[in-house]
C-alpha atoms as a PDB file:
ATOM      1  CA  MET A   1      77.322  68.474 158.330  1.00  0.00           C
ATOM      2  CA  GLN A   2      74.107  68.605 160.396  1.00  0.00           C
ATOM      3  CA  ARG A   3      76.030  67.974 163.619  1.00  0.00           C
ATOM      4  CA  VAL A   4      78.554  70.680 162.814  1.00  0.00           C
ATOM      5  CA  LEU A   5      75.825  73.279 162.229  1.00  0.00           C
ATOM      6  CA  ASP A   6      73.926  72.288 165.355  1.00  0.00           C
ATOM      7  CA  PHE A   7      77.117  72.593 167.398  1.00  0.00           C
ATOM      8  CA  ALA A   8      78.017  75.996 165.986  1.00  0.00           C
ATOM      9  CA  ARG A   9      74.566  77.498 165.938  1.00  0.00           C
ATOM     10  CA  PRO A  10      72.239  75.749 168.352  1.00  0.00           C
ATOM     11  CA  GLY A  11      68.580  76.017 167.472  1.00  0.00           C
ATOM     12  CA  ILE A  12      69.155  76.697 163.771  1.00  0.00           C
ATOM     13  CA  ALA A  13      68.025  73.842 161.569  1.00  0.00           C
ATOM     14  CA  PHE A  14      69.953  72.852 158.459  1.00  0.00           C
ATOM     15  CA  THR A  15      68.090  73.910 155.358  1.00  0.00           C
ATOM     16  CA  THR A  16      68.989  74.447 151.724  1.00  0.00           C
ATOM     17  CA  VAL A  17      68.444  77.604 149.714  1.00  0.00           C
ATOM     18  CA  PRO A  18      65.809  76.816 147.089  1.00  0.00           C
ATOM     19  CA  HIS A  19      66.556  77.859 143.515  1.00  0.00           C
ATOM     20  CA  ALA A  20      69.942  79.408 144.335  1.00  0.00           C
ATOM     21  CA  PHE A  21      71.068  78.619 140.795  1.00  0.00           C
ATOM     22  CA  ARG A  22      69.017  77.844 137.747  1.00  0.00           C
ATOM     23  CA  ARG A  23      69.189  74.179 136.792  1.00  0.00           C
ATOM     24  CA  VAL A  24      71.437  73.538 133.800  1.00  0.00           C
ATOM     25  CA  THR A  25      69.345  71.469 131.439  1.00  0.00           C
ATOM     26  CA  HIS A  26      71.848  71.202 128.590  1.00  0.00           C
ATOM     27  CA  PRO A  27      75.678  71.264 128.397  1.00  0.00           C
ATOM     28  CA  MET A  28      75.484  74.041 125.802  1.00  0.00           C
ATOM     29  CA  GLN A  29      74.316  76.411 128.560  1.00  0.00           C
ATOM     30  CA  LEU A  30      77.701  76.093 130.269  1.00  0.00           C
ATOM     31  CA  LYS A  31      79.289  78.077 127.425  1.00  0.00           C
ATOM     32  CA  ARG A  32      77.521  81.159 128.753  1.00  0.00           C
ATOM     33  CA  PHE A  33      79.681  81.083 131.880  1.00  0.00           C
ATOM     34  CA  ARG A  34      83.406  81.806 131.766  1.00  0.00           C
ATOM     35  CA  GLU A  35      85.935  80.978 134.453  1.00  0.00           C
ATOM     36  CA  LYS A  36      88.800  82.710 132.636  1.00  0.00           C
ATOM     37  CA  VAL A  37      89.303  86.423 132.077  1.00  0.00           C
ATOM     38  CA  THR A  38      89.669  86.965 128.318  1.00  0.00           C
ATOM     39  CA  LYS A  39      90.647  90.638 128.306  1.00  0.00           C
ATOM     40  CA  PHE A  40      91.734  93.300 130.788  1.00  0.00           C
ATOM     41  CA  VAL A  41      90.405  96.806 130.214  1.00  0.00           C
ATOM     42  CA  PHE A  42      91.349 100.149 131.708  1.00  0.00           C
ATOM     43  CA  HIS A  43      88.891 101.469 134.323  1.00  0.00           C
ATOM     44  CA  GLN A  44      88.422 104.716 132.417  1.00  0.00           C
ATOM     45  CA  GLU A  45      87.459 102.722 129.343  1.00  0.00           C
ATOM     46  CA  VAL A  46      84.439 101.341 131.182  1.00  0.00           C
ATOM     47  CA  VAL A  47      83.506 104.684 132.739  1.00  0.00           C
ATOM     48  CA  ASP A  48      83.829 106.653 129.488  1.00  0.00           C
ATOM     49  CA  ARG A  49      82.270 104.040 127.228  1.00  0.00           C
ATOM     50  CA  SER A  50      79.778 106.537 125.825  1.00  0.00           C
ATOM     51  CA  ILE A  51      82.561 109.052 125.082  1.00  0.00           C
ATOM     52  CA  ILE A  52      84.617 106.382 123.304  1.00  0.00           C
ATOM     53  CA  LYS A  53      81.576 105.376 121.289  1.00  0.00           C
ATOM     54  CA  GLN A  54      81.059 108.997 120.261  1.00  0.00           C
ATOM     55  CA  THR A  55      84.684 109.450 119.158  1.00  0.00           C
ATOM     56  CA  VAL A  56      84.511 106.230 117.148  1.00  0.00           C
ATOM     57  CA  GLY A  57      81.343 107.469 115.480  1.00  0.00           C
ATOM     58  CA  ASP A  58      83.040 110.757 114.617  1.00  0.00           C
ATOM     59  CA  PHE A  59      86.016 108.882 113.135  1.00  0.00           C
ATOM     60  CA  VAL A  60      83.762 106.685 110.979  1.00  0.00           C
ATOM     61  CA  ALA A  61      81.886 109.767 109.757  1.00  0.00           C
ATOM     62  CA  GLU A  62      85.145 111.522 108.859  1.00  0.00           C
ATOM     63  CA  ALA A  63      86.476 108.426 107.081  1.00  0.00           C
ATOM     64  CA  THR A  64      83.238 108.066 105.120  1.00  0.00           C
ATOM     65  CA  LYS A  65      83.583 111.700 104.081  1.00  0.00           C
ATOM     66  CA  HIS A  66      87.225 111.613 102.908  1.00  0.00           C
ATOM     67  CA  ILE A  67      87.760 108.105 101.484  1.00  0.00           C
ATOM     68  CA  PRO A  68      85.581 108.638  98.351  1.00  0.00           C
ATOM     69  CA  LYS A  69      87.875 111.539  97.395  1.00  0.00           C
ATOM     70  CA  TYR A  70      90.786 109.141  96.765  1.00  0.00           C
ATOM     71  CA  LYS A  71      91.403 106.150  94.551  1.00  0.00           C
ATOM     72  CA  LEU A  72      91.241 102.874  96.458  1.00  0.00           C
ATOM     73  CA  ASP A  73      94.909 102.151  95.790  1.00  0.00           C
ATOM     74  CA  CYS A  74      95.728 105.509  97.419  1.00  0.00           C
ATOM     75  CA  VAL A  75      93.813 104.743 100.642  1.00  0.00           C
ATOM     76  CA  LEU A  76      96.513 103.156 102.796  1.00  0.00           C
ATOM     77  CA  ASN A  77      96.746 101.625 106.220  1.00  0.00           C
ATOM     78  CA  SER A  78      99.858 100.725 108.186  1.00  0.00           C
ATOM     79  CA  ASP A  79     100.469  99.495 111.692  1.00  0.00           C
ATOM     80  CA  GLN A  80     103.039  97.664 113.818  1.00  0.00           C
ATOM     81  CA  SER A  81     102.825  94.129 115.107  1.00  0.00           C
ATOM     82  CA  SER A  82     105.282  92.319 117.383  1.00  0.00           C
ATOM     83  CA  PHE A  83     106.228  88.656 117.017  1.00  0.00           C
ATOM     84  CA  ASN A  84     108.288  86.591 119.441  1.00  0.00           C
ATOM     85  CA  TYR A  85     111.545  85.158 118.157  1.00  0.00           C
ATOM     86  CA  GLU A  86     110.348  81.689 119.093  1.00  0.00           C
ATOM     87  CA  ILE A  87     106.664  80.846 118.681  1.00  0.00           C
ATOM     88  CA  VAL A  88     105.480  78.074 120.983  1.00  0.00           C
ATOM     89  CA  SER A  89     102.071  76.676 121.805  1.00  0.00           C
ATOM     90  CA  ASN A  90     100.734  76.867 125.358  1.00  0.00           C
ATOM     91  CA  CYS A  91      98.770  73.652 124.834  1.00  0.00           C
ATOM     92  CA  THR A  92     100.180  70.122 125.030  1.00  0.00           C
ATOM     93  CA  LEU A  93      99.230  66.568 126.033  1.00  0.00           C
ATOM     94  CA  SER A  94     100.037  65.478 129.562  1.00  0.00           C
ATOM     95  CA  TYR A  95      98.863  63.211 132.369  1.00  0.00           C
ATOM     96  CA  ALA A  96      95.522  63.890 134.070  1.00  0.00           C
ATOM     97  CA  GLY A  97      95.831  65.466 137.513  1.00  0.00           C
ATOM     98  CA  GLU A  98      99.344  66.771 136.918  1.00  0.00           C
ATOM     99  CA  LYS A  99      99.994  69.860 139.068  1.00  0.00           C
ATOM    100  CA  ALA A 100     102.607  71.422 136.778  1.00  0.00           C
ATOM    101  CA  THR A 101     103.190  70.841 133.088  1.00  0.00           C
ATOM    102  CA  TYR A 102     106.559  71.826 131.617  1.00  0.00           C
ATOM    103  CA  LEU A 103     107.410  72.549 128.000  1.00  0.00           C
ATOM    104  CA  SER A 104     110.993  72.556 126.756  1.00  0.00           C
ATOM    105  CA  VAL A 105     112.119  75.482 124.578  1.00  0.00           C
ATOM    106  CA  LYS A 106     115.492  76.228 123.034  1.00  0.00           C
ATOM    107  CA  CYS A 107     115.800  79.678 124.597  1.00  0.00           C
ATOM    108  CA  LEU A 108     113.655  81.338 127.284  1.00  0.00           C
ATOM    109  CA  ASN A 109     114.575  84.822 126.069  1.00  0.00           C
ATOM    110  CA  ALA A 110     113.260  83.990 122.599  1.00  0.00           C
ATOM    111  CA  ILE A 111     109.703  83.484 123.865  1.00  0.00           C
ATOM    112  CA  SER A 112     109.669  86.888 125.609  1.00  0.00           C
ATOM    113  CA  HIS A 113     111.763  89.039 123.225  1.00  0.00           C
ATOM    114  CA  SER A 114     110.163  90.213 120.029  1.00  0.00           C
ATOM    115  CA  TYR A 115     110.716  92.043 116.773  1.00  0.00           C
ATOM    116  CA  THR A 116     108.346  94.382 114.923  1.00  0.00           C
ATOM    117  CA  VAL A 117     106.790  93.995 111.473  1.00  0.00           C
ATOM    118  CA  MET A 118     105.180  96.999 109.754  1.00  0.00           C
ATOM    119  CA  PRO A 119     103.422  96.379 106.406  1.00  0.00           C
ATOM    120  CA  ILE A 120     101.359  98.742 104.242  1.00  0.00           C
ATOM    121  CA  ILE A 121      98.046  97.678 102.728  1.00  0.00           C
ATOM    122  CA  SER A 122      95.539  99.540 100.553  1.00  0.00           C
ATOM    123  CA  ALA A 123      91.759  99.565 100.258  1.00  0.00           C
ATOM    124  CA  ALA A 124      92.196  98.045  96.788  1.00  0.00           C
ATOM    125  CA  GLY A 125      93.591  94.891  98.402  1.00  0.00           C
ATOM    126  CA  GLN A 126      97.248  95.483  97.631  1.00  0.00           C
ATOM    127  CA  LEU A 127     100.089  94.562  99.971  1.00  0.00           C
ATOM    128  CA  PHE A 128     102.900  96.969  99.178  1.00  0.00           C
ATOM    129  CA  SER A 129     106.574  96.094  99.044  1.00  0.00           C
ATOM    130  CA  SER A 130     108.616  96.560 101.037  1.00  0.00           C
ATOM    131  CA  VAL A 131     107.674  95.426 104.521  1.00  0.00           C
ATOM    132  CA  PHE A 132     109.556  97.160 107.337  1.00  0.00           C
ATOM    133  CA  ILE A 133     111.159  94.903 109.973  1.00  0.00           C
ATOM    134  CA  CYS A 134     112.714  96.159 113.201  1.00  0.00           C
ATOM    135  CA  LEU A 135     114.864  93.557 114.943  1.00  0.00           C
ATOM    136  CA  GLN A 136     115.968  93.584 118.549  1.00  0.00           C
ATOM    137  CA  GLU A 137     119.720  94.009 118.926  1.00  0.00           C
ATOM    138  CA  PRO A 138     121.502  94.550 122.281  1.00  0.00           C
ATOM    139  CA  THR A 139     123.672  97.331 120.838  1.00  0.00           C
ATOM    140  CA  GLY A 140     120.905  98.901 118.761  1.00  0.00           C
ATOM    141  CA  ARG A 141     122.899  98.254 115.585  1.00  0.00           C
ATOM    142  CA  LEU A 142     123.091  95.435 113.072  1.00  0.00           C
ATOM    143  CA  PRO A 143     126.419  93.570 113.091  1.00  0.00           C
ATOM    144  CA  ILE A 144     129.026  94.692 110.589  1.00  0.00           C
ATOM    145  CA  THR A 145     131.320  91.691 110.974  1.00  0.00           C
ATOM    146  CA  ARG A 146     128.925  89.326 109.197  1.00  0.00           C
ATOM    147  CA  ALA A 147     126.460  89.629 106.364  1.00  0.00           C
ATOM    148  CA  VAL A 148     122.767  90.017 107.211  1.00  0.00           C
ATOM    149  CA  PHE A 149     120.180  88.458 104.929  1.00  0.00           C
ATOM    150  CA  SER A 150     118.429  90.975 102.686  1.00  0.00           C
ATOM    151  CA  ALA A 151     115.650  90.734 100.113  1.00  0.00           C
ATOM    152  CA  SER A 152     114.006  93.096  97.662  1.00  0.00           C
ATOM    153  CA  ASN A 153     110.662  92.975  99.450  1.00  0.00           C
ATOM    154  CA  MET A 154     111.788  94.159 102.889  1.00  0.00           C
ATOM    155  CA  VAL A 155     113.659  96.946 104.644  1.00  0.00           C
ATOM    156  CA  THR A 156     115.475  96.012 107.849  1.00  0.00           C
ATOM    157  CA  SER A 157     116.496  98.067 110.850  1.00  0.00           C
ATOM    158  CA  CYS A 158     116.884  97.452 114.576  1.00  0.00           C
ATOM    159  CA  SER A 159     116.626  98.917 118.064  1.00  0.00           C
ATOM    160  CA  THR A 160     117.539  97.791 121.568  1.00  0.00           C
ATOM    161  CA  SER A 161     113.894  96.943 122.333  1.00  0.00           C
ATOM    162  CA  GLY A 162     112.754  95.667 118.954  1.00  0.00           C
ATOM    163  CA  LYS A 163     110.162  98.472 118.921  1.00  0.00           C
ATOM    164  CA  LEU A 164     109.933 101.558 116.746  1.00  0.00           C
ATOM    165  CA  ASN A 165     110.756 105.058 117.935  1.00  0.00           C
ATOM    166  CA  LYS A 166     110.517 108.476 116.282  1.00  0.00           C
ATOM    167  CA  SER A 167     113.771 108.157 114.337  1.00  0.00           C
ATOM    168  CA  LEU A 168     112.771 104.722 113.040  1.00  0.00           C
ATOM    169  CA  ALA A 169     109.337 106.079 112.078  1.00  0.00           C
ATOM    170  CA  GLU A 170     111.086 108.759 110.002  1.00  0.00           C
ATOM    171  CA  TYR A 171     113.327 106.086 108.478  1.00  0.00           C
ATOM    172  CA  TRP A 172     110.211 104.057 107.566  1.00  0.00           C
ATOM    173  CA  ILE A 173     108.690 107.085 105.812  1.00  0.00           C
ATOM    174  CA  LYS A 174     111.859 107.728 103.784  1.00  0.00           C
ATOM    175  CA  GLU A 175     112.726 104.141 102.884  1.00  0.00           C
ATOM    176  CA  VAL A 176     109.297 102.509 102.545  1.00  0.00           C
ATOM    177  CA  LEU A 177     106.326 104.882 102.343  1.00  0.00           C
ATOM    178  CA  ASP A 178     108.009 107.443 100.096  1.00  0.00           C
ATOM    179  CA  LYS A 179     108.822 104.746  97.523  1.00  0.00           C
ATOM    180  CA  VAL A 180     105.317 103.277  97.244  1.00  0.00           C
ATOM    181  CA  VAL A 181     103.323 106.523  96.870  1.00  0.00           C
ATOM    182  CA  SER A 182     103.734 108.998  94.041  1.00  0.00           C
ATOM    183  CA  ASN A 183     100.442 110.925  94.196  1.00  0.00           C
ATOM    184  CA  ARG A 184      98.296 112.314  96.957  1.00  0.00           C
ATOM    185  CA  PHE A 185      97.174 109.641  99.370  1.00  0.00           C
ATOM    186  CA  LEU A 186      95.174 109.036 102.533  1.00  0.00           C
ATOM    187  CA  LEU A 187      96.817 107.147 105.383  1.00  0.00           C
ATOM    188  CA  VAL A 188      94.916 105.530 108.260  1.00  0.00           C
ATOM    189  CA  VAL A 189      97.041 105.179 111.419  1.00  0.00           C
ATOM    190  CA  ASP A 190      96.558 104.845 115.166  1.00  0.00           C
ATOM    191  CA  GLN A 191      97.389 107.443 117.810  1.00  0.00           C
ATOM    192  CA  TRP A 192     101.030 106.471 118.312  1.00  0.00           C
ATOM    193  CA  SER A 193     102.495 109.997 118.423  1.00  0.00           C
ATOM    194  CA  PRO A 194     105.424 109.708 115.924  1.00  0.00           C
ATOM    195  CA  GLN A 195     103.090 108.141 113.380  1.00  0.00           C
ATOM    196  CA  ALA A 196     100.159 110.514 113.899  1.00  0.00           C
ATOM    197  CA  ASP A 197     102.122 113.749 113.406  1.00  0.00           C
ATOM    198  CA  ILE A 198     101.543 115.187 109.912  1.00  0.00           C
ATOM    199  CA  THR A 199     104.720 117.301 110.080  1.00  0.00           C
ATOM    200  CA  VAL A 200     106.831 114.105 110.233  1.00  0.00           C
ATOM    201  CA  TYR A 201     105.440 113.107 106.828  1.00  0.00           C
ATOM    202  CA  GLU A 202     105.803 116.575 105.353  1.00  0.00           C
ATOM    203  CA  ASN A 203     109.474 116.676 106.381  1.00  0.00           C
ATOM    204  CA  ASN A 204     110.413 113.191 105.155  1.00  0.00           C
ATOM    205  CA  LEU A 205     108.404 112.645 101.950  1.00  0.00           C
ATOM    206  CA  THR A 206     110.985 113.591  99.341  1.00  0.00           C
ATOM    207  CA  LYS A 207     108.481 113.971  96.491  1.00  0.00           C
ATOM    208  CA  ARG A 208     106.245 116.233  98.600  1.00  0.00           C
ATOM    209  CA  GLN A 209     103.215 114.036  98.029  1.00  0.00           C
ATOM    210  CA  PRO A 210     100.089 115.506  99.647  1.00  0.00           C
ATOM    211  CA  CYS A 211      99.214 113.346 102.629  1.00  0.00           C
ATOM    212  CA  LYS A 212      95.928 113.203 104.542  1.00  0.00           C
ATOM    213  CA  LEU A 213      96.015 111.452 107.904  1.00  0.00           C
ATOM    214  CA  LEU A 214      93.051 109.718 109.499  1.00  0.00           C
ATOM    215  CA  VAL A 215      93.907 108.926 113.117  1.00  0.00           C
ATOM    216  CA  ILE A 216      91.992 106.108 114.764  1.00  0.00           C
ATOM    217  CA  PRO A 217      90.780 107.060 118.277  1.00  0.00           C
ATOM    218  CA  ARG A 218      92.189 105.387 121.349  1.00  0.00           C
ATOM    219  CA  ARG A 219      90.491 102.167 122.505  1.00  0.00           C
ATOM    220  CA  ALA A 220      89.153 101.591 118.985  1.00  0.00           C
ATOM    221  CA  THR A 221      92.067 100.020 117.117  1.00  0.00           C
ATOM    222  CA  SER A 222      90.886  96.447 117.777  1.00  0.00           C
ATOM    223  CA  THR A 223      87.804  97.035 115.616  1.00  0.00           C
ATOM    224  CA  LYS A 224      88.634 100.044 113.405  1.00  0.00           C
ATOM    225  CA  GLN A 225      92.286  99.342 112.569  1.00  0.00           C
ATOM    226  CA  PRO A 226      92.245  97.154 109.400  1.00  0.00           C
ATOM    227  CA  CYS A 227      95.655  95.619 110.126  1.00  0.00           C
ATOM    228  CA  ASP A 228      94.740  94.733 113.709  1.00  0.00           C
ATOM    229  CA  ALA A 229      91.240  93.525 112.957  1.00  0.00           C
ATOM    230  CA  TYR A 230      92.039  91.120 110.141  1.00  0.00           C
ATOM    231  CA  PHE A 231      95.467  91.267 108.517  1.00  0.00           C
ATOM    232  CA  PHE A 232      97.867  90.623 111.419  1.00  0.00           C
ATOM    233  CA  PRO A 233      96.056  87.456 112.554  1.00  0.00           C
ATOM    234  CA  THR A 234      96.563  86.156 109.015  1.00  0.00           C
ATOM    235  CA  ILE A 235     100.302  86.910 109.152  1.00  0.00           C
ATOM    236  CA  GLU A 236     100.560  85.105 112.490  1.00  0.00           C
ATOM    237  CA  SER A 237      98.685  82.098 111.102  1.00  0.00           C
ATOM    238  CA  VAL A 238     100.973  81.866 108.046  1.00  0.00           C
ATOM    239  CA  ASN A 239     104.027  82.248 110.311  1.00  0.00           C
ATOM    240  CA  LYS A 240     102.912  79.316 112.446  1.00  0.00           C
ATOM    241  CA  LYS A 241     102.186  77.131 109.416  1.00  0.00           C
ATOM    242  CA  ASN A 242     105.623  77.798 107.927  1.00  0.00           C
ATOM    243  CA  ILE A 243     107.340  77.117 111.264  1.00  0.00           C
ATOM    244  CA  SER A 244     105.317  73.921 111.731  1.00  0.00           C
ATOM    245  CA  SER A 245     106.402  72.757 108.282  1.00  0.00           C
ATOM    246  CA  CYS A 246     110.077  73.287 109.177  1.00  0.00           C
ATOM    247  CA  ILE A 247     109.644  71.335 112.409  1.00  0.00           C
ATOM    248  CA  SER A 248     107.676  68.505 110.742  1.00  0.00           C
ATOM    249  CA  ASP A 249     110.284  68.138 107.988  1.00  0.00           C
ATOM    250  CA  GLU A 250     113.059  68.179 110.635  1.00  0.00           C
ATOM    251  CA  LEU A 251     114.990  70.873 108.800  1.00  0.00           C
ATOM    252  CA  ASP A 252     118.314  71.843 110.328  1.00  0.00           C
ATOM    253  CA  VAL A 253     117.389  75.507 110.777  1.00  0.00           C
ATOM    254  CA  ASP A 254     117.617  77.687 113.872  1.00  0.00           C
ATOM    255  CA  LEU A 255     114.308  79.518 113.552  1.00  0.00           C
ATOM    256  CA  ARG A 256     115.337  82.010 116.261  1.00  0.00           C
ATOM    257  CA  SER A 257     118.327  83.330 114.346  1.00  0.00           C
ATOM    258  CA  ARG A 258     118.410  86.735 112.691  1.00  0.00           C
ATOM    259  CA  ASP A 259     118.635  85.405 109.148  1.00  0.00           C
ATOM    260  CA  ALA A 260     115.896  82.812 109.714  1.00  0.00           C
ATOM    261  CA  ILE A 261     113.518  85.503 111.004  1.00  0.00           C
ATOM    262  CA  LEU A 262     114.220  87.737 107.990  1.00  0.00           C
ATOM    263  CA  LYS A 263     113.813  84.854 105.542  1.00  0.00           C
ATOM    264  CA  LEU A 264     110.541  83.852 107.187  1.00  0.00           C
ATOM    265  CA  GLN A 265     109.067  87.357 107.029  1.00  0.00           C
ATOM    266  CA  SER A 266     110.255  87.817 103.437  1.00  0.00           C
ATOM    267  CA  LEU A 267     108.588  84.530 102.500  1.00  0.00           C
ATOM    268  CA  VAL A 268     105.326  85.406 104.282  1.00  0.00           C
ATOM    269  CA  HIS A 269     105.239  88.829 102.645  1.00  0.00           C
ATOM    270  CA  ASN A 270     105.845  87.248  99.245  1.00  0.00           C
ATOM    271  CA  GLN A 271     103.036  84.738  99.808  1.00  0.00           C
ATOM    272  CA  LEU A 272     100.511  87.357 100.943  1.00  0.00           C
ATOM    273  CA  SER A 273     101.422  89.621  98.007  1.00  0.00           C
ATOM    274  CA  SER A 274      99.736  87.139  95.669  1.00  0.00           C
ATOM    275  CA  SER A 275      96.618  88.342  93.867  1.00  0.00           C
ATOM    276  CA  LEU A 276      94.724  85.504  95.555  1.00  0.00           C
ATOM    277  CA  PHE A 277      94.814  87.475  98.801  1.00  0.00           C
ATOM    278  CA  LYS A 278      93.549  90.761  97.348  1.00  0.00           C
ATOM    279  CA  PRO A 279      89.890  90.162  98.334  1.00  0.00           C
ATOM    280  CA  MET A 280      90.992  89.290 101.884  1.00  0.00           C
ATOM    281  CA  ILE A 281      93.098  92.462 102.264  1.00  0.00           C
ATOM    282  CA  SER A 282      90.374  94.596 100.696  1.00  0.00           C
ATOM    283  CA  TYR A 283      87.869  93.088 103.151  1.00  0.00           C
ATOM    284  CA  ALA A 284      90.172  94.000 106.053  1.00  0.00           C
END
């Protein structure tokens, strides 16, 4: 190295930069440094951080003002969460120094295509029935040539993308929300436009129940949306445990099929509806 530097830059001696990096005295200090990006954020979110903080503060103040006016079982929250048809782990055991590690799956489309689950929870810790499930169907319609699994604790629909749109949001209000509320209620939702429009509720609630909407500001759902902050990770955890049990017991079940997905979500919803989970949902 000395000869290379002398050849490239004659007259310049090879020296080291003292104290370029602080000496690491304990392995625990390495946890302060990350080599992997954990989250991507929009540029405007960084620039307008103070504005976002102000809007979040205004939302919390408004929620604190209105929530005491309602019974806890009439303070509701609902949101959408997408789940892949096939849940796989991105971690596995392999040989050291291997350049590429491959994992076999039954269907590549199943790990990229998803369906939507939309539950309703209350501040009293109640998980309402029914849960709304939107499957992904190429034609946008459920098949009529064969029976589709149904249960009393879920309402099923579909779309070409597996996501909700305005018409499906109206269908959710008529078939799910309208049947679980009978008095005036407060509903906490995010800023997805079909769900944050009060006229959609006024036009589709058949009993004309008075509805008060609290809309969570943009860029704040990860911390202020009860379903996102605590409840959906629990659903995902229970999903994985149930799927792992099927795989461990070597059950002859195609977990990617339409009926298997509906049975799984019906089972998870039934499990989380137990009174044992009320404190957890209330905490969320």
